Amino acid sequence: MSAVLIAVVAVLVLAQAAPSMGARVRRYGWFRAWLHWLDARTSAGATHATAAHVALAIAPPVIAAALLQAALVQPLLGLGGLLFDIAVLYYAWGPRDLDRDVQAVADAPDTPGRRRAAARLWPPHVAPVLEGGAL
C-alpha cells in the first residue's frame, strides 16, 4: 500500500514540476495504430465496440506491462518495480495533466465556465455532465 502512495505522490510532484514533459512523453499514436490494425482485421465495419473488441484492444499492452512488472518486483528490493509503476502511472495520467483539468473545473467561477472546463475531460462532441458521479 505504501508503494502505491509513493508512486501517486511522485507522479503528482513530477506533473507539477515538469508539466511540459507530459506532452512530450504521452504519445498514444502507437495505440491508435494498434486499434486501426485490429479494427481492420476483426470488426468488418462494425460501428460499435463489443466486449471482445475492447478485451482484444487492451489485453496485449496490459499483459506486457504485467509481465514487466512481475519481472521487476524482486530486483533491488522492488525499486525497479516502483520506478516502473511511476513511469506507467505518469504515462497513463492522461493526454494532458489530469490534475490541472480537474482543478480547472473546480476553479471555474460559474456553471458555464465549469461546463467549458469539464468538456476537456469528456470525449469530443459529447456534452459534459456536471453531476458528481458522472463527472
N, C-alpha and C. Protein backbone atom coordinates (compact mmCIF):
# COMPACT_ATOMS: atom_id res chain seq x y z
N MET A 1 0.82 -1.19 0.00
CA MET A 1 0.00 0.00 0.00
C MET A 1 0.87 1.25 0.00
N SER A 2 1.97 1.23 0.73
CA SER A 2 2.82 2.42 0.78
C SER A 2 3.48 2.68 -0.57
N ALA A 3 3.77 1.61 -1.32
CA ALA A 3 4.38 1.80 -2.65
C ALA A 3 3.41 2.52 -3.58
N VAL A 4 2.13 2.22 -3.45
CA VAL A 4 1.12 2.89 -4.28
C VAL A 4 1.08 4.37 -3.93
N LEU A 5 1.08 4.68 -2.65
CA LEU A 5 1.06 6.08 -2.21
C LEU A 5 2.31 6.81 -2.70
N ILE A 6 3.46 6.17 -2.58
CA ILE A 6 4.70 6.79 -3.06
C ILE A 6 4.64 7.05 -4.55
N ALA A 7 4.12 6.09 -5.32
CA ALA A 7 4.02 6.27 -6.77
C ALA A 7 3.08 7.41 -7.12
N VAL A 8 1.94 7.50 -6.45
CA VAL A 8 0.97 8.57 -6.74
C VAL A 8 1.56 9.93 -6.39
N VAL A 9 2.19 10.03 -5.23
CA VAL A 9 2.79 11.31 -4.83
C VAL A 9 3.92 11.69 -5.79
N ALA A 10 4.73 10.72 -6.19
CA ALA A 10 5.82 11.00 -7.13
C ALA A 10 5.29 11.51 -8.46
N VAL A 11 4.21 10.92 -8.94
CA VAL A 11 3.63 11.37 -10.21
C VAL A 11 3.04 12.77 -10.07
N LEU A 12 2.37 13.05 -8.97
CA LEU A 12 1.83 14.39 -8.75
C LEU A 12 2.94 15.43 -8.71
N VAL A 13 4.02 15.13 -8.01
CA VAL A 13 5.15 16.05 -7.94
C VAL A 13 5.77 16.23 -9.31
N LEU A 14 5.95 15.14 -10.04
CA LEU A 14 6.53 15.21 -11.38
C LEU A 14 5.64 16.02 -12.33
N ALA A 15 4.33 15.82 -12.23
CA ALA A 15 3.40 16.57 -13.09
C ALA A 15 3.45 18.06 -12.79
N GLN A 16 3.62 18.42 -11.51
CA GLN A 16 3.69 19.83 -11.15
C GLN A 16 5.04 20.44 -11.48
N ALA A 17 6.11 19.68 -11.30
CA ALA A 17 7.46 20.20 -11.51
C ALA A 17 7.83 20.32 -12.98
N ALA A 18 7.33 19.42 -13.80
CA ALA A 18 7.70 19.42 -15.22
C ALA A 18 6.46 19.21 -16.08
N PRO A 19 5.56 20.19 -16.13
CA PRO A 19 4.31 20.00 -16.88
C PRO A 19 4.52 19.80 -18.38
N SER A 20 5.55 20.40 -18.95
CA SER A 20 5.76 20.26 -20.39
C SER A 20 6.26 18.87 -20.76
N MET A 21 6.85 18.16 -19.80
CA MET A 21 7.35 16.81 -20.10
C MET A 21 6.20 15.86 -20.42
N GLY A 22 5.04 16.08 -19.81
CA GLY A 22 3.89 15.22 -20.07
C GLY A 22 3.49 15.22 -21.53
N ALA A 23 3.50 16.38 -22.15
CA ALA A 23 3.13 16.46 -23.56
C ALA A 23 4.13 15.73 -24.45
N ARG A 24 5.40 15.75 -24.05
CA ARG A 24 6.41 15.05 -24.85
C ARG A 24 6.36 13.54 -24.65
N VAL A 25 6.04 13.10 -23.44
CA VAL A 25 6.08 11.68 -23.12
C VAL A 25 4.80 10.97 -23.55
N ARG A 26 3.68 11.61 -23.36
CA ARG A 26 2.39 10.95 -23.61
C ARG A 26 2.04 10.99 -25.08
N ARG A 27 2.49 9.98 -25.78
CA ARG A 27 2.19 9.81 -27.21
C ARG A 27 1.40 8.52 -27.35
N TYR A 28 0.19 8.63 -27.84
CA TYR A 28 -0.67 7.45 -27.93
C TYR A 28 -0.89 7.01 -29.37
N GLY A 29 -0.07 7.49 -30.29
CA GLY A 29 -0.19 7.11 -31.69
C GLY A 29 -0.04 5.61 -31.90
N TRP A 30 0.86 4.98 -31.13
CA TRP A 30 1.05 3.54 -31.26
C TRP A 30 -0.24 2.79 -30.93
N PHE A 31 -1.00 3.28 -29.96
CA PHE A 31 -2.24 2.61 -29.58
C PHE A 31 -3.32 2.84 -30.64
N ARG A 32 -3.37 4.04 -31.20
CA ARG A 32 -4.32 4.30 -32.30
C ARG A 32 -4.01 3.40 -33.50
N ALA A 33 -2.72 3.26 -33.82
CA ALA A 33 -2.32 2.38 -34.93
C ALA A 33 -2.72 0.94 -34.63
N TRP A 34 -2.51 0.50 -33.38
CA TRP A 34 -2.91 -0.84 -32.99
C TRP A 34 -4.42 -1.03 -33.13
N LEU A 35 -5.21 -0.03 -32.72
CA LEU A 35 -6.67 -0.12 -32.84
C LEU A 35 -7.11 -0.17 -34.29
N HIS A 36 -6.47 0.64 -35.16
CA HIS A 36 -6.81 0.61 -36.59
C HIS A 36 -6.47 -0.74 -37.19
N TRP A 37 -5.30 -1.29 -36.84
CA TRP A 37 -4.90 -2.59 -37.35
C TRP A 37 -5.87 -3.67 -36.88
N LEU A 38 -6.22 -3.63 -35.61
CA LEU A 38 -7.14 -4.59 -35.03
C LEU A 38 -8.53 -4.46 -35.65
N ASP A 39 -8.98 -3.23 -35.84
CA ASP A 39 -10.29 -2.97 -36.42
C ASP A 39 -10.38 -3.51 -37.84
N ALA A 40 -9.32 -3.34 -38.60
CA ALA A 40 -9.32 -3.81 -39.99
C ALA A 40 -9.41 -5.34 -40.06
N ARG A 41 -8.99 -6.02 -39.02
CA ARG A 41 -8.97 -7.48 -39.05
C ARG A 41 -10.11 -8.14 -38.28
N THR A 42 -10.82 -7.39 -37.45
CA THR A 42 -11.83 -8.03 -36.62
C THR A 42 -13.25 -7.51 -36.80
N SER A 43 -13.42 -6.21 -36.94
CA SER A 43 -14.78 -5.68 -36.85
C SER A 43 -15.56 -5.73 -38.16
N ALA A 44 -14.86 -5.73 -39.28
CA ALA A 44 -15.53 -5.75 -40.59
C ALA A 44 -16.57 -4.65 -40.71
N GLY A 45 -16.21 -3.45 -40.27
CA GLY A 45 -17.09 -2.30 -40.43
C GLY A 45 -18.10 -2.11 -39.33
N ALA A 46 -17.95 -2.77 -38.21
CA ALA A 46 -18.89 -2.58 -37.10
C ALA A 46 -18.81 -1.14 -36.61
N THR A 47 -19.95 -0.60 -36.22
CA THR A 47 -19.98 0.80 -35.78
C THR A 47 -19.82 0.94 -34.27
N HIS A 48 -19.77 -0.17 -33.54
CA HIS A 48 -19.60 -0.10 -32.09
C HIS A 48 -18.68 -1.24 -31.64
N ALA A 49 -18.05 -1.00 -30.52
CA ALA A 49 -17.12 -1.99 -29.98
C ALA A 49 -17.86 -2.95 -29.06
N THR A 50 -17.57 -4.22 -29.21
CA THR A 50 -18.13 -5.22 -28.31
C THR A 50 -17.14 -5.45 -27.18
N ALA A 51 -17.56 -6.20 -26.20
CA ALA A 51 -16.66 -6.51 -25.08
C ALA A 51 -15.43 -7.26 -25.58
N ALA A 52 -15.61 -8.13 -26.57
CA ALA A 52 -14.47 -8.87 -27.13
C ALA A 52 -13.49 -7.93 -27.81
N HIS A 53 -14.00 -6.92 -28.53
CA HIS A 53 -13.12 -5.94 -29.18
C HIS A 53 -12.31 -5.16 -28.14
N VAL A 54 -12.98 -4.75 -27.08
CA VAL A 54 -12.29 -4.00 -26.03
C VAL A 54 -11.22 -4.87 -25.37
N ALA A 55 -11.57 -6.12 -25.08
CA ALA A 55 -10.60 -7.03 -24.47
C ALA A 55 -9.41 -7.26 -25.39
N LEU A 56 -9.66 -7.45 -26.68
CA LEU A 56 -8.56 -7.63 -27.64
C LEU A 56 -7.70 -6.38 -27.76
N ALA A 57 -8.32 -5.23 -27.61
CA ALA A 57 -7.58 -3.98 -27.75
C ALA A 57 -6.64 -3.73 -26.57
N ILE A 58 -7.11 -4.02 -25.36
CA ILE A 58 -6.29 -3.67 -24.19
C ILE A 58 -5.46 -4.82 -23.65
N ALA A 59 -5.78 -6.06 -24.03
CA ALA A 59 -5.06 -7.21 -23.47
C ALA A 59 -3.56 -7.19 -23.74
N PRO A 60 -3.08 -6.98 -24.97
CA PRO A 60 -1.62 -7.03 -25.18
C PRO A 60 -0.82 -6.00 -24.38
N PRO A 61 -1.22 -4.71 -24.35
CA PRO A 61 -0.44 -3.78 -23.53
C PRO A 61 -0.51 -4.09 -22.03
N VAL A 62 -1.67 -4.54 -21.55
CA VAL A 62 -1.82 -4.85 -20.13
C VAL A 62 -0.99 -6.07 -19.77
N ILE A 63 -1.01 -7.09 -20.61
CA ILE A 63 -0.22 -8.30 -20.34
C ILE A 63 1.27 -7.97 -20.38
N ALA A 64 1.70 -7.17 -21.35
CA ALA A 64 3.11 -6.78 -21.43
C ALA A 64 3.54 -6.02 -20.19
N ALA A 65 2.71 -5.09 -19.73
CA ALA A 65 3.03 -4.33 -18.52
C ALA A 65 3.05 -5.23 -17.30
N ALA A 66 2.11 -6.17 -17.21
CA ALA A 66 2.07 -7.08 -16.06
C ALA A 66 3.30 -7.98 -16.02
N LEU A 67 3.72 -8.48 -17.17
CA LEU A 67 4.92 -9.33 -17.21
C LEU A 67 6.17 -8.54 -16.81
N LEU A 68 6.28 -7.32 -17.31
CA LEU A 68 7.43 -6.50 -16.95
C LEU A 68 7.40 -6.15 -15.46
N GLN A 69 6.23 -5.83 -14.95
CA GLN A 69 6.10 -5.53 -13.52
C GLN A 69 6.49 -6.75 -12.69
N ALA A 70 6.03 -7.93 -13.07
CA ALA A 70 6.37 -9.15 -12.33
C ALA A 70 7.88 -9.40 -12.34
N ALA A 71 8.52 -9.08 -13.45
CA ALA A 71 9.97 -9.28 -13.54
C ALA A 71 10.73 -8.27 -12.68
N LEU A 72 10.14 -7.12 -12.41
CA LEU A 72 10.82 -6.07 -11.67
C LEU A 72 10.50 -6.04 -10.17
N VAL A 73 9.66 -6.94 -9.70
CA VAL A 73 9.25 -6.89 -8.30
C VAL A 73 10.41 -7.21 -7.36
N GLN A 74 11.19 -8.22 -7.64
CA GLN A 74 12.22 -8.68 -6.73
C GLN A 74 13.55 -7.92 -6.82
N PRO A 75 14.06 -7.60 -8.01
CA PRO A 75 15.39 -6.96 -8.06
C PRO A 75 15.43 -5.65 -7.28
N LEU A 76 16.54 -5.43 -6.61
CA LEU A 76 16.79 -4.20 -5.85
C LEU A 76 15.68 -3.90 -4.85
N LEU A 77 15.17 -4.94 -4.21
CA LEU A 77 14.13 -4.80 -3.19
C LEU A 77 12.87 -4.11 -3.71
N GLY A 78 12.58 -4.32 -4.96
CA GLY A 78 11.37 -3.76 -5.54
C GLY A 78 11.50 -2.35 -6.09
N LEU A 79 12.69 -1.77 -6.04
CA LEU A 79 12.87 -0.40 -6.52
C LEU A 79 12.58 -0.30 -8.03
N GLY A 80 13.00 -1.32 -8.79
CA GLY A 80 12.71 -1.32 -10.22
C GLY A 80 11.22 -1.34 -10.50
N GLY A 81 10.48 -2.14 -9.71
CA GLY A 81 9.03 -2.19 -9.85
C GLY A 81 8.38 -0.87 -9.51
N LEU A 82 8.88 -0.21 -8.47
CA LEU A 82 8.33 1.09 -8.08
C LEU A 82 8.58 2.13 -9.17
N LEU A 83 9.77 2.14 -9.73
CA LEU A 83 10.07 3.08 -10.81
C LEU A 83 9.21 2.80 -12.04
N PHE A 84 8.99 1.52 -12.32
CA PHE A 84 8.12 1.15 -13.43
C PHE A 84 6.69 1.61 -13.15
N ASP A 85 6.23 1.43 -11.90
CA ASP A 85 4.88 1.89 -11.51
C ASP A 85 4.74 3.39 -11.75
N ILE A 86 5.74 4.14 -11.34
CA ILE A 86 5.71 5.59 -11.51
C ILE A 86 5.67 5.96 -12.99
N ALA A 87 6.47 5.28 -13.79
CA ALA A 87 6.50 5.57 -15.23
C ALA A 87 5.16 5.26 -15.89
N VAL A 88 4.57 4.13 -15.55
CA VAL A 88 3.28 3.75 -16.15
C VAL A 88 2.17 4.70 -15.69
N LEU A 89 2.15 5.03 -14.42
CA LEU A 89 1.13 5.95 -13.93
C LEU A 89 1.27 7.34 -14.56
N TYR A 90 2.49 7.81 -14.69
CA TYR A 90 2.71 9.12 -15.31
C TYR A 90 2.27 9.10 -16.78
N TYR A 91 2.59 8.01 -17.48
CA TYR A 91 2.20 7.88 -18.89
C TYR A 91 0.68 7.83 -19.03
N ALA A 92 0.02 7.13 -18.12
CA ALA A 92 -1.43 6.96 -18.20
C ALA A 92 -2.21 8.08 -17.54
N TRP A 93 -1.53 9.06 -16.98
CA TRP A 93 -2.18 10.14 -16.25
C TRP A 93 -3.16 10.90 -17.13
N GLY A 94 -3.00 10.85 -18.42
CA GLY A 94 -3.94 11.47 -19.35
C GLY A 94 -3.21 12.12 -20.49
N PRO A 95 -3.93 12.47 -21.54
CA PRO A 95 -3.29 13.15 -22.66
C PRO A 95 -2.69 14.49 -22.23
N ARG A 96 -3.33 15.08 -21.25
CA ARG A 96 -2.80 16.30 -20.63
C ARG A 96 -2.63 15.97 -19.15
N ASP A 97 -2.37 16.94 -18.34
CA ASP A 97 -2.26 16.69 -16.90
C ASP A 97 -3.66 16.64 -16.30
N LEU A 98 -4.06 15.47 -15.84
CA LEU A 98 -5.39 15.27 -15.29
C LEU A 98 -5.66 16.19 -14.11
N ASP A 99 -4.67 16.37 -13.26
CA ASP A 99 -4.90 17.21 -12.08
C ASP A 99 -5.18 18.66 -12.48
N ARG A 100 -4.56 19.15 -13.53
CA ARG A 100 -4.83 20.52 -14.00
C ARG A 100 -6.23 20.64 -14.60
N ASP A 101 -6.66 19.61 -15.34
CA ASP A 101 -8.01 19.63 -15.91
C ASP A 101 -9.07 19.62 -14.82
N VAL A 102 -8.87 18.79 -13.79
CA VAL A 102 -9.83 18.73 -12.68
C VAL A 102 -9.81 20.03 -11.90
N GLN A 103 -8.63 20.60 -11.69
CA GLN A 103 -8.53 21.87 -10.95
C GLN A 103 -9.23 22.99 -11.71
N ALA A 104 -9.16 22.96 -13.04
CA ALA A 104 -9.85 23.98 -13.84
C ALA A 104 -11.36 23.91 -13.65
N VAL A 105 -11.89 22.70 -13.52
CA VAL A 105 -13.33 22.55 -13.26
C VAL A 105 -13.66 23.10 -11.87
N ALA A 106 -12.84 22.77 -10.89
CA ALA A 106 -13.10 23.21 -9.52
C ALA A 106 -12.97 24.73 -9.38
N ASP A 107 -12.07 25.35 -10.14
CA ASP A 107 -11.82 26.78 -10.01
C ASP A 107 -12.73 27.65 -10.87
N ALA A 108 -13.52 27.05 -11.73
CA ALA A 108 -14.38 27.84 -12.62
C ALA A 108 -15.39 28.64 -11.78
N PRO A 109 -15.60 29.92 -12.13
CA PRO A 109 -16.44 30.78 -11.30
C PRO A 109 -17.95 30.54 -11.44
N ASP A 110 -18.37 29.94 -12.55
CA ASP A 110 -19.80 29.76 -12.75
C ASP A 110 -20.06 28.46 -13.51
N THR A 111 -21.34 28.13 -13.69
CA THR A 111 -21.71 26.87 -14.34
C THR A 111 -21.24 26.81 -15.79
N PRO A 112 -21.40 27.86 -16.61
CA PRO A 112 -20.88 27.77 -17.98
C PRO A 112 -19.36 27.57 -18.02
N GLY A 113 -18.65 28.21 -17.11
CA GLY A 113 -17.21 28.04 -17.04
C GLY A 113 -16.83 26.63 -16.63
N ARG A 114 -17.57 26.06 -15.67
CA ARG A 114 -17.32 24.67 -15.26
C ARG A 114 -17.60 23.72 -16.42
N ARG A 115 -18.67 24.01 -17.16
CA ARG A 115 -19.02 23.15 -18.29
C ARG A 115 -17.93 23.19 -19.36
N ARG A 116 -17.39 24.40 -19.63
CA ARG A 116 -16.29 24.51 -20.62
C ARG A 116 -15.05 23.76 -20.13
N ALA A 117 -14.73 23.90 -18.85
CA ALA A 117 -13.56 23.21 -18.31
C ALA A 117 -13.77 21.70 -18.30
N ALA A 118 -14.99 21.26 -17.98
CA ALA A 118 -15.27 19.82 -17.94
C ALA A 118 -15.29 19.21 -19.33
N ALA A 119 -15.54 20.02 -20.35
CA ALA A 119 -15.57 19.50 -21.72
C ALA A 119 -14.23 18.88 -22.11
N ARG A 120 -13.14 19.35 -21.53
CA ARG A 120 -11.82 18.77 -21.82
C ARG A 120 -11.69 17.35 -21.29
N LEU A 121 -12.51 17.00 -20.30
CA LEU A 121 -12.46 15.66 -19.71
C LEU A 121 -13.40 14.68 -20.40
N TRP A 122 -14.24 15.17 -21.30
CA TRP A 122 -15.21 14.32 -21.99
C TRP A 122 -14.78 14.11 -23.44
N PRO A 123 -15.29 13.06 -24.08
CA PRO A 123 -14.97 12.85 -25.50
C PRO A 123 -15.48 14.01 -26.35
N PRO A 124 -14.88 14.22 -27.52
CA PRO A 124 -15.34 15.31 -28.40
C PRO A 124 -16.81 15.12 -28.78
N HIS A 125 -17.50 16.21 -28.89
CA HIS A 125 -18.90 16.26 -29.34
C HIS A 125 -19.86 15.58 -28.35
N VAL A 126 -19.46 15.45 -27.09
CA VAL A 126 -20.33 14.93 -26.04
C VAL A 126 -20.47 16.02 -25.00
N ALA A 127 -21.71 16.35 -24.66
CA ALA A 127 -21.95 17.41 -23.67
C ALA A 127 -21.53 16.90 -22.29
N PRO A 128 -20.68 17.66 -21.59
CA PRO A 128 -20.23 17.21 -20.27
C PRO A 128 -21.35 17.28 -19.24
N VAL A 129 -21.35 16.33 -18.33
CA VAL A 129 -22.31 16.27 -17.24
C VAL A 129 -21.58 16.72 -15.98
N LEU A 130 -22.17 17.62 -15.21
CA LEU A 130 -21.50 18.16 -14.05
C LEU A 130 -21.93 17.51 -12.73
N GLU A 131 -22.84 16.54 -12.76
CA GLU A 131 -23.22 15.85 -11.53
C GLU A 131 -22.03 15.02 -11.05
N GLY A 132 -21.90 14.90 -9.74
CA GLY A 132 -20.74 14.27 -9.12
C GLY A 132 -20.35 12.92 -9.68
N GLY A 133 -21.25 11.96 -9.69
CA GLY A 133 -20.91 10.61 -10.13
C GLY A 133 -20.50 10.55 -11.58
N ALA A 134 -21.23 11.21 -12.44
CA ALA A 134 -20.91 11.18 -13.88
C ALA A 134 -19.62 11.92 -14.16
N LEU A 135 -19.42 13.05 -13.46
CA LEU A 135 -18.19 13.82 -13.69
C LEU A 135 -17.00 13.04 -13.20
